[in-house]
N, C-alpha and C. Protein backbone atom coordinates (compact mmCIF):
# COMPACT_ATOMS: atom_id res chain seq x y z
N MET A 1 7.66 36.88 40.47
CA MET A 1 8.40 35.61 39.89
C MET A 1 7.46 34.51 39.24
N THR A 2 6.39 34.49 39.91
CA THR A 2 5.27 33.46 39.25
C THR A 2 4.70 34.17 38.08
N LYS A 3 4.48 35.10 38.12
CA LYS A 3 3.85 35.75 36.68
C LYS A 3 4.84 35.53 35.70
N ARG A 4 6.16 35.77 35.81
CA ARG A 4 6.99 35.56 34.79
C ARG A 4 7.23 34.10 34.27
N ARG A 5 6.95 33.15 35.31
CA ARG A 5 6.75 31.73 34.88
C ARG A 5 5.74 31.49 33.98
N TRP A 6 4.37 31.99 34.31
CA TRP A 6 3.37 31.82 33.62
C TRP A 6 3.62 32.42 32.30
N ILE A 7 4.03 33.56 32.10
CA ILE A 7 4.47 34.03 30.66
C ILE A 7 5.41 33.21 30.02
N LEU A 8 6.28 32.83 30.49
CA LEU A 8 7.22 31.96 29.91
C LEU A 8 6.84 30.69 29.55
N ALA A 9 5.78 30.14 30.28
CA ALA A 9 5.15 28.70 29.80
C ALA A 9 4.04 28.98 28.48
N LEU A 10 3.53 30.12 28.71
CA LEU A 10 2.49 30.52 27.71
C LEU A 10 3.28 30.72 26.39
N VAL A 11 4.53 31.35 26.50
CA VAL A 11 5.18 31.76 25.14
C VAL A 11 5.64 30.36 24.51
N LEU A 12 6.31 29.28 25.35
CA LEU A 12 6.67 28.21 25.00
C LEU A 12 5.65 27.20 24.32
N VAL A 13 4.43 27.29 24.94
CA VAL A 13 3.33 26.58 24.49
C VAL A 13 2.89 27.09 23.09
N ILE A 14 2.94 28.50 22.84
CA ILE A 14 2.72 29.21 21.70
C ILE A 14 3.66 28.79 20.72
N LEU A 15 4.97 28.66 20.92
CA LEU A 15 5.78 28.30 19.98
C LEU A 15 5.97 26.71 19.76
N VAL A 16 5.65 25.99 20.40
CA VAL A 16 5.25 24.61 20.27
C VAL A 16 4.28 24.46 19.13
N LEU A 17 3.12 25.13 19.47
CA LEU A 17 2.05 25.02 18.52
C LEU A 17 2.35 25.63 17.27
N VAL A 18 2.99 26.68 17.09
CA VAL A 18 3.47 27.28 15.86
C VAL A 18 4.46 26.11 15.17
N GLY A 19 5.24 25.65 15.93
CA GLY A 19 6.17 24.76 15.25
C GLY A 19 5.47 23.58 14.77
N PHE A 20 4.46 22.87 15.40
CA PHE A 20 3.79 21.67 14.85
C PHE A 20 2.89 22.31 13.70
N SER A 21 2.33 23.39 13.84
CA SER A 21 1.53 23.88 12.54
C SER A 21 2.36 23.86 11.38
N LEU A 22 3.72 24.52 11.55
CA LEU A 22 4.56 24.62 10.49
C LEU A 22 5.00 23.27 9.74
N LEU A 23 5.30 22.29 10.70
CA LEU A 23 5.46 21.00 10.24
C LEU A 23 4.29 20.24 9.52
N SER A 24 3.26 20.41 10.20
CA SER A 24 2.00 19.92 9.29
C SER A 24 1.77 20.62 7.94
N CYS A 25 1.88 22.03 7.99
CA CYS A 25 1.65 22.51 6.60
C CYS A 25 2.79 21.92 5.59
N ILE A 26 4.13 21.92 6.04
CA ILE A 26 5.05 21.52 5.24
C ILE A 26 4.83 20.18 4.66
N GLY A 27 4.42 19.03 5.41
CA GLY A 27 4.06 17.68 5.28
C GLY A 27 2.89 17.72 4.27
N ARG A 28 1.91 18.74 4.18
CA ARG A 28 0.81 18.65 3.53
C ARG A 28 0.92 19.35 2.18
N HIS A 29 1.69 20.12 2.14
CA HIS A 29 1.88 21.14 0.95
C HIS A 29 3.33 20.77 0.11
N SER A 30 3.87 19.94 0.52
CA SER A 30 5.16 19.64 -0.15
C SER A 30 4.90 18.36 -1.17
N ALA A 31 4.73 18.70 -2.46
CA ALA A 31 4.47 17.68 -3.37
C ALA A 31 5.63 16.80 -3.72
N ASP A 32 7.01 17.35 -3.56
CA ASP A 32 8.05 16.37 -3.94
C ASP A 32 8.39 15.76 -2.82
N ARG A 33 8.17 15.97 -1.68
CA ARG A 33 8.69 15.39 -0.49
C ARG A 33 7.82 14.45 0.15
N MET A 34 8.32 13.45 0.79
CA MET A 34 7.61 12.44 1.60
C MET A 34 6.78 12.95 2.57
N SER A 35 5.55 12.77 2.85
CA SER A 35 4.89 13.04 4.18
C SER A 35 5.59 12.63 5.31
N LEU A 36 5.37 13.35 6.40
CA LEU A 36 6.02 13.06 7.73
C LEU A 36 5.59 11.65 8.21
N ALA A 37 4.16 11.27 8.10
CA ALA A 37 3.84 9.92 8.38
C ALA A 37 4.32 8.73 7.74
N ARG A 38 4.46 8.89 6.53
CA ARG A 38 5.35 8.01 5.50
C ARG A 38 6.72 7.76 5.80
N MET A 39 7.47 8.87 6.21
CA MET A 39 8.76 8.79 6.68
C MET A 39 9.01 8.14 8.02
N TYR A 40 7.93 8.50 8.79
CA TYR A 40 7.90 8.00 10.29
C TYR A 40 7.80 6.33 9.91
N ARG A 41 6.75 6.00 9.49
CA ARG A 41 6.41 4.55 8.97
C ARG A 41 7.58 3.84 8.47
N MET A 42 8.36 4.24 7.33
CA MET A 42 9.40 3.87 6.72
C MET A 42 10.49 3.67 7.56
N ASN A 43 10.79 4.76 8.41
CA ASN A 43 11.95 4.61 9.44
C ASN A 43 11.52 3.45 10.48
N MET A 44 10.22 3.41 10.81
CA MET A 44 9.97 2.33 11.79
C MET A 44 10.31 0.94 11.22
N LEU A 45 9.88 0.82 9.85
CA LEU A 45 10.08 -0.62 9.35
C LEU A 45 11.77 -0.77 9.14
N PHE A 46 12.55 0.38 8.65
CA PHE A 46 13.91 0.12 8.50
C PHE A 46 14.51 -0.34 10.07
N ASP A 47 13.95 0.31 11.08
CA ASP A 47 14.48 -0.04 12.46
C ASP A 47 14.00 -1.58 12.54
N GLU A 48 12.82 -1.88 12.55
CA GLU A 48 12.36 -3.61 12.69
C GLU A 48 13.23 -4.37 11.83
N LEU A 49 13.78 -4.07 10.79
CA LEU A 49 14.56 -4.96 10.05
C LEU A 49 16.12 -4.87 10.19
N SER A 50 16.35 -4.02 10.97
CA SER A 50 17.89 -3.61 11.43
C SER A 50 18.81 -3.38 10.22
N LEU A 51 18.32 -2.59 9.43
CA LEU A 51 18.96 -1.98 8.14
C LEU A 51 20.42 -1.25 8.60
N THR A 52 21.37 -1.61 7.89
CA THR A 52 22.46 -0.88 7.99
C THR A 52 22.48 0.46 7.36
N GLY A 53 23.18 1.55 7.58
CA GLY A 53 23.16 2.93 7.02
C GLY A 53 23.28 2.73 5.53
N ASP A 54 23.91 1.99 4.93
CA ASP A 54 24.16 1.78 3.44
C ASP A 54 22.84 1.27 2.77
N GLN A 55 22.27 0.38 3.63
CA GLN A 55 21.02 -0.17 2.88
C GLN A 55 19.80 0.76 3.27
N ARG A 56 19.60 1.50 4.20
CA ARG A 56 18.80 2.79 4.19
C ARG A 56 18.78 3.59 3.17
N VAL A 57 20.13 3.96 2.81
CA VAL A 57 20.40 5.08 1.88
C VAL A 57 19.91 4.48 0.46
N ALA A 58 20.33 3.23 0.24
CA ALA A 58 19.93 2.45 -1.11
C ALA A 58 18.37 2.37 -1.25
N LEU A 59 17.79 2.05 -0.26
CA LEU A 59 16.28 1.72 -0.25
C LEU A 59 15.53 3.03 -0.63
N LYS A 60 15.99 4.20 0.19
CA LYS A 60 15.36 5.48 -0.01
C LYS A 60 15.77 5.96 -1.52
N GLN A 61 17.02 5.81 -1.82
CA GLN A 61 17.28 6.29 -3.42
C GLN A 61 16.34 5.40 -4.30
N LEU A 62 16.29 4.16 -4.04
CA LEU A 62 15.44 3.22 -4.83
C LEU A 62 13.88 3.88 -4.94
N ILE A 63 13.36 4.13 -3.81
CA ILE A 63 12.00 4.56 -3.76
C ILE A 63 11.87 5.83 -4.38
N SER A 64 12.63 6.82 -4.08
CA SER A 64 12.68 8.29 -4.90
C SER A 64 12.96 7.96 -6.13
N GLY A 65 13.71 7.30 -6.65
CA GLY A 65 14.16 6.93 -8.06
C GLY A 65 12.96 6.58 -8.90
N HIS A 66 12.00 5.78 -8.22
CA HIS A 66 10.93 5.30 -9.04
C HIS A 66 9.62 5.92 -8.83
N ARG A 67 9.56 6.96 -7.90
CA ARG A 67 8.50 7.76 -7.58
C ARG A 67 7.91 8.22 -8.88
N LYS A 68 8.61 8.79 -9.68
CA LYS A 68 8.02 9.56 -10.86
C LYS A 68 7.52 8.42 -11.88
N ASP A 69 8.08 7.37 -11.97
CA ASP A 69 7.57 6.00 -12.60
C ASP A 69 6.28 5.53 -12.04
N LEU A 70 5.97 5.63 -10.83
CA LEU A 70 4.86 5.03 -10.22
C LEU A 70 3.86 5.89 -10.24
N GLU A 71 4.03 7.40 -10.19
CA GLU A 71 2.82 8.38 -10.02
C GLU A 71 1.78 8.10 -11.12
N PRO A 72 2.30 8.00 -12.22
CA PRO A 72 0.98 8.02 -13.34
C PRO A 72 0.07 6.77 -12.94
N ALA A 73 0.74 5.67 -12.60
CA ALA A 73 0.01 4.50 -12.51
C ALA A 73 -1.10 4.59 -11.23
N VAL A 74 -0.28 5.18 -10.06
CA VAL A 74 -1.11 5.40 -8.80
C VAL A 74 -2.40 6.17 -9.19
N GLU A 75 -2.24 7.43 -10.01
CA GLU A 75 -3.03 8.20 -10.13
C GLU A 75 -4.23 7.59 -11.02
N GLU A 76 -3.84 6.71 -11.96
CA GLU A 76 -4.77 5.85 -12.82
C GLU A 76 -5.74 5.13 -11.84
N VAL A 77 -4.96 4.43 -10.91
CA VAL A 77 -5.73 3.72 -10.07
C VAL A 77 -6.74 4.76 -9.23
N LYS A 78 -6.24 5.98 -8.58
CA LYS A 78 -7.28 6.59 -7.95
C LYS A 78 -8.28 6.90 -8.78
N GLY A 79 -8.02 7.56 -10.09
CA GLY A 79 -8.95 8.08 -10.70
C GLY A 79 -10.09 7.14 -11.26
N ARG A 80 -9.53 5.89 -11.64
CA ARG A 80 -10.62 4.82 -12.12
C ARG A 80 -11.35 4.50 -10.83
N GLY A 81 -10.85 4.52 -9.53
CA GLY A 81 -11.54 4.03 -8.30
C GLY A 81 -12.56 5.17 -8.19
N GLY A 82 -12.27 6.51 -8.27
CA GLY A 82 -13.35 7.62 -8.27
C GLY A 82 -14.28 7.30 -9.15
N ILE A 83 -14.06 7.04 -10.37
CA ILE A 83 -15.16 6.75 -11.36
C ILE A 83 -16.19 5.73 -10.93
N LEU A 84 -15.57 4.61 -10.46
CA LEU A 84 -16.25 3.33 -10.16
C LEU A 84 -17.21 3.90 -8.90
N ARG A 85 -16.61 4.38 -7.83
CA ARG A 85 -17.35 4.95 -6.74
C ARG A 85 -18.51 5.91 -7.16
N ASP A 86 -18.33 6.83 -8.21
CA ASP A 86 -19.51 7.61 -8.69
C ASP A 86 -20.46 6.93 -9.09
N LEU A 87 -20.22 5.86 -10.19
CA LEU A 87 -21.14 5.23 -10.88
C LEU A 87 -22.04 4.23 -9.87
N ILE A 88 -21.32 3.75 -8.80
CA ILE A 88 -22.25 2.86 -7.73
C ILE A 88 -23.13 3.75 -6.88
N LEU A 89 -22.60 5.10 -6.68
CA LEU A 89 -23.46 5.80 -5.83
C LEU A 89 -24.36 6.61 -6.49
N ALA A 90 -24.39 6.51 -7.77
CA ALA A 90 -25.52 7.35 -8.71
C ALA A 90 -26.72 7.18 -8.31
N GLU A 91 -27.39 8.20 -8.62
CA GLU A 91 -29.07 8.15 -8.35
C GLU A 91 -29.70 6.68 -9.05
N THR A 92 -29.32 6.59 -10.17
CA THR A 92 -29.81 5.47 -11.04
C THR A 92 -28.49 4.83 -11.43
N PRO A 93 -28.04 3.77 -10.91
CA PRO A 93 -26.85 3.07 -11.20
C PRO A 93 -26.96 2.19 -12.53
N ASP A 94 -26.01 2.54 -13.41
CA ASP A 94 -25.78 1.68 -14.82
C ASP A 94 -25.14 0.36 -14.48
N GLN A 95 -25.85 -0.59 -14.57
CA GLN A 95 -24.98 -1.94 -14.24
C GLN A 95 -23.82 -2.17 -15.28
N GLU A 96 -24.07 -1.83 -16.54
CA GLU A 96 -23.27 -2.06 -17.49
C GLU A 96 -21.92 -1.02 -17.22
N ALA A 97 -22.18 0.21 -17.16
CA ALA A 97 -21.18 1.03 -16.83
C ALA A 97 -20.17 0.75 -15.65
N ILE A 98 -20.96 0.11 -14.48
CA ILE A 98 -20.28 -0.27 -13.31
C ILE A 98 -19.35 -1.35 -13.79
N ARG A 99 -19.82 -2.36 -14.44
CA ARG A 99 -18.91 -3.43 -14.97
C ARG A 99 -17.67 -2.82 -15.76
N ARG A 100 -17.89 -1.98 -16.71
CA ARG A 100 -16.79 -1.51 -17.53
C ARG A 100 -15.81 -0.97 -16.57
N ALA A 101 -16.31 0.01 -15.73
CA ALA A 101 -15.35 0.66 -14.91
C ALA A 101 -14.80 -0.15 -13.81
N SER A 102 -15.41 -1.28 -13.45
CA SER A 102 -14.81 -2.21 -12.53
C SER A 102 -13.49 -2.79 -13.19
N GLY A 103 -13.92 -3.13 -14.63
CA GLY A 103 -12.74 -3.86 -15.49
C GLY A 103 -11.71 -2.86 -15.65
N ASP A 104 -11.95 -1.53 -16.04
CA ASP A 104 -10.88 -0.55 -16.17
C ASP A 104 -10.03 -0.47 -14.72
N LEU A 105 -10.75 -0.28 -13.61
CA LEU A 105 -10.12 -0.43 -12.24
C LEU A 105 -9.23 -1.47 -12.04
N GLY A 106 -9.53 -2.64 -12.58
CA GLY A 106 -8.88 -3.80 -12.30
C GLY A 106 -7.71 -3.91 -13.20
N SER A 107 -7.56 -3.29 -14.41
CA SER A 107 -6.54 -3.33 -15.40
C SER A 107 -5.57 -2.21 -14.90
N ALA A 108 -5.98 -1.03 -14.19
CA ALA A 108 -5.21 0.03 -13.84
C ALA A 108 -4.33 -0.63 -12.66
N ILE A 109 -5.11 -1.50 -11.69
CA ILE A 109 -4.46 -2.13 -10.52
C ILE A 109 -3.56 -3.07 -11.03
N ALA A 110 -3.77 -3.83 -12.08
CA ALA A 110 -2.76 -4.72 -12.43
C ALA A 110 -1.53 -4.27 -12.90
N GLU A 111 -1.70 -2.88 -13.83
CA GLU A 111 -0.41 -2.44 -14.17
C GLU A 111 0.53 -1.50 -13.19
N ALA A 112 -0.30 -1.04 -12.11
CA ALA A 112 0.36 -0.62 -11.11
C ALA A 112 1.09 -1.77 -10.27
N SER A 113 0.46 -2.93 -10.11
CA SER A 113 1.05 -4.02 -9.48
C SER A 113 2.15 -4.64 -10.07
N VAL A 114 2.38 -4.60 -11.47
CA VAL A 114 3.49 -5.04 -12.06
C VAL A 114 4.61 -4.11 -11.81
N GLN A 115 4.45 -2.73 -11.77
CA GLN A 115 5.27 -1.71 -11.67
C GLN A 115 5.90 -2.00 -10.17
N ILE A 116 5.00 -2.07 -9.30
CA ILE A 116 5.50 -2.19 -7.99
C ILE A 116 6.38 -3.54 -7.62
N SER A 117 5.85 -4.49 -8.41
CA SER A 117 6.61 -5.80 -8.28
C SER A 117 8.10 -5.75 -8.53
N ALA A 118 8.36 -4.83 -9.81
CA ALA A 118 9.57 -4.82 -10.08
C ALA A 118 10.52 -3.94 -9.10
N LEU A 119 9.91 -2.96 -8.46
CA LEU A 119 10.44 -2.12 -7.29
C LEU A 119 10.67 -3.16 -6.06
N ALA A 120 9.67 -3.98 -5.86
CA ALA A 120 9.94 -4.94 -4.76
C ALA A 120 11.07 -5.75 -4.94
N LYS A 121 11.34 -6.31 -6.30
CA LYS A 121 12.33 -7.15 -6.49
C LYS A 121 13.67 -6.52 -6.39
N GLU A 122 13.60 -5.48 -6.73
CA GLU A 122 14.98 -4.40 -6.71
C GLU A 122 15.16 -4.37 -5.21
N ALA A 123 14.19 -3.97 -4.36
CA ALA A 123 14.19 -3.98 -2.90
C ALA A 123 15.07 -4.98 -2.31
N ARG A 124 14.42 -6.33 -2.64
CA ARG A 124 14.85 -7.41 -2.23
C ARG A 124 16.38 -7.79 -2.27
N SER A 125 16.93 -7.28 -3.59
CA SER A 125 18.20 -7.51 -3.76
C SER A 125 19.17 -6.69 -2.88
N ILE A 126 18.48 -5.55 -2.16
CA ILE A 126 19.49 -4.78 -1.22
C ILE A 126 19.20 -5.40 0.18
N LEU A 127 18.31 -6.29 0.62
CA LEU A 127 18.36 -6.83 1.93
C LEU A 127 18.93 -8.14 1.81
N THR A 128 19.32 -8.48 2.96
CA THR A 128 19.63 -9.94 3.26
C THR A 128 18.49 -10.77 3.41
N PRO A 129 18.91 -12.08 3.26
CA PRO A 129 17.94 -13.17 3.32
C PRO A 129 17.15 -13.25 4.63
N GLU A 130 17.76 -12.78 5.36
CA GLU A 130 17.16 -12.89 6.88
C GLU A 130 16.23 -11.71 7.02
N GLN A 131 16.60 -10.47 6.41
CA GLN A 131 15.77 -9.23 6.41
C GLN A 131 14.57 -9.51 5.38
N VAL A 132 14.72 -10.15 4.46
CA VAL A 132 13.69 -10.39 3.56
C VAL A 132 12.58 -11.13 4.17
N GLU A 133 13.00 -12.26 4.94
CA GLU A 133 12.15 -13.19 5.72
C GLU A 133 11.46 -12.44 6.80
N LYS A 134 12.24 -11.38 7.52
CA LYS A 134 11.85 -10.81 8.57
C LYS A 134 10.64 -9.69 8.01
N ALA A 135 10.86 -9.28 6.82
CA ALA A 135 9.97 -8.20 6.29
C ALA A 135 8.61 -9.05 5.99
N ARG A 136 8.82 -10.07 5.42
CA ARG A 136 7.54 -10.97 5.06
C ARG A 136 6.50 -11.41 6.51
N GLU A 137 7.64 -11.72 7.41
CA GLU A 137 6.91 -12.08 8.64
C GLU A 137 6.06 -10.68 9.27
N LEU A 138 6.64 -9.67 9.10
CA LEU A 138 5.96 -8.28 9.80
C LEU A 138 4.86 -8.01 8.84
N PHE A 139 4.80 -8.16 7.51
CA PHE A 139 3.80 -7.88 6.75
C PHE A 139 2.73 -8.81 6.94
N GLN A 140 3.06 -10.09 7.31
CA GLN A 140 1.79 -11.13 7.54
C GLN A 140 1.27 -10.74 8.71
N ARG A 141 2.04 -10.64 9.75
CA ARG A 141 1.63 -10.14 11.15
C ARG A 141 0.66 -9.00 11.03
N ARG A 142 0.97 -7.86 10.26
CA ARG A 142 0.09 -6.67 10.30
C ARG A 142 -1.19 -7.23 9.46
N GLN A 143 -1.02 -7.88 8.53
CA GLN A 143 -2.27 -8.56 7.60
C GLN A 143 -3.30 -9.07 8.62
N ASN A 144 -2.69 -10.23 9.40
CA ASN A 144 -3.50 -11.15 10.39
C ASN A 144 -4.18 -10.14 11.24
N VAL A 145 -3.59 -8.92 11.88
CA VAL A 145 -4.04 -8.07 12.75
C VAL A 145 -5.31 -7.48 12.10
N PHE A 146 -5.22 -7.07 10.89
CA PHE A 146 -6.07 -6.25 10.28
C PHE A 146 -7.39 -7.05 9.90
N ARG A 147 -7.06 -8.60 9.52
CA ARG A 147 -8.21 -9.40 9.25
C ARG A 147 -9.08 -9.81 10.59
N GLU A 148 -8.23 -9.97 11.67
CA GLU A 148 -8.82 -10.16 12.79
C GLU A 148 -9.66 -8.98 13.40
N THR A 149 -9.13 -7.73 13.16
CA THR A 149 -10.08 -6.43 13.44
C THR A 149 -11.29 -6.59 12.65
N MET A 150 -11.01 -6.71 11.28
CA MET A 150 -12.61 -6.84 10.48
C MET A 150 -13.21 -7.85 10.80
N HIS A 151 -12.65 -8.85 11.11
CA HIS A 151 -13.74 -10.14 11.72
C HIS A 151 -14.34 -9.89 12.88
N GLU A 152 -13.79 -9.18 13.99
CA GLU A 152 -14.28 -8.68 15.01
C GLU A 152 -15.53 -7.66 14.96
N ARG A 153 -15.09 -6.77 13.87
CA ARG A 153 -16.12 -5.69 13.73
C ARG A 153 -17.29 -6.35 13.05
N GLY A 154 -17.02 -7.26 12.09
CA GLY A 154 -18.26 -8.12 11.46
C GLY A 154 -18.96 -8.67 12.34
N GLY A 155 -18.30 -9.31 13.32
CA GLY A 155 -19.12 -10.32 14.36
C GLY A 155 -19.91 -9.33 15.25
N GLN A 156 -19.39 -8.06 15.36
CA GLN A 156 -20.30 -7.29 16.28
C GLN A 156 -21.55 -6.44 15.43
N GLY A 157 -21.55 -6.72 14.20
CA GLY A 157 -22.29 -5.85 13.20
C GLY A 157 -22.11 -4.55 12.88
N LYS A 158 -20.64 -4.11 13.15
CA LYS A 158 -20.03 -2.77 12.81
C LYS A 158 -19.61 -2.70 11.33
N GLU A 159 -19.94 -1.85 10.74
CA GLU A 159 -19.46 -1.66 9.15
C GLU A 159 -17.97 -1.16 9.46
N PHE A 160 -17.20 -1.48 8.51
CA PHE A 160 -15.77 -0.89 8.30
C PHE A 160 -15.45 0.04 7.32
């Protein structure tokens, strides 16, 4: 009887590991689907804001509807950031090239920011004024925690 329990426990552990591996693989390799971590964070935010079912559906549709519009801007920011990083870390840094790349990155960030602000405006129209205020408070609280963490690390001489 004890041997059967051990075998059953081993089979269950293997099934759980295989299941988590499949979920991880799906999350990493599904280009058109939202990652599991992003879905989790989005659902946490939805819960904290006490969204209704209709609001959840409307926001998810809004985000997925604008994803294709935002992807080029986000890719541009990533690409420009990579170019700047490579120039900064080059064996012989070219200051003028770094300045140009910094300007290009700033322009790409500006364009992406304009597009994201339009998305945020549409999202605010779905929320109640109380939910908008609560969202601002949540973001401000998270920003304060980040700043405090960076300040503490800076005070201890640690790099971030």
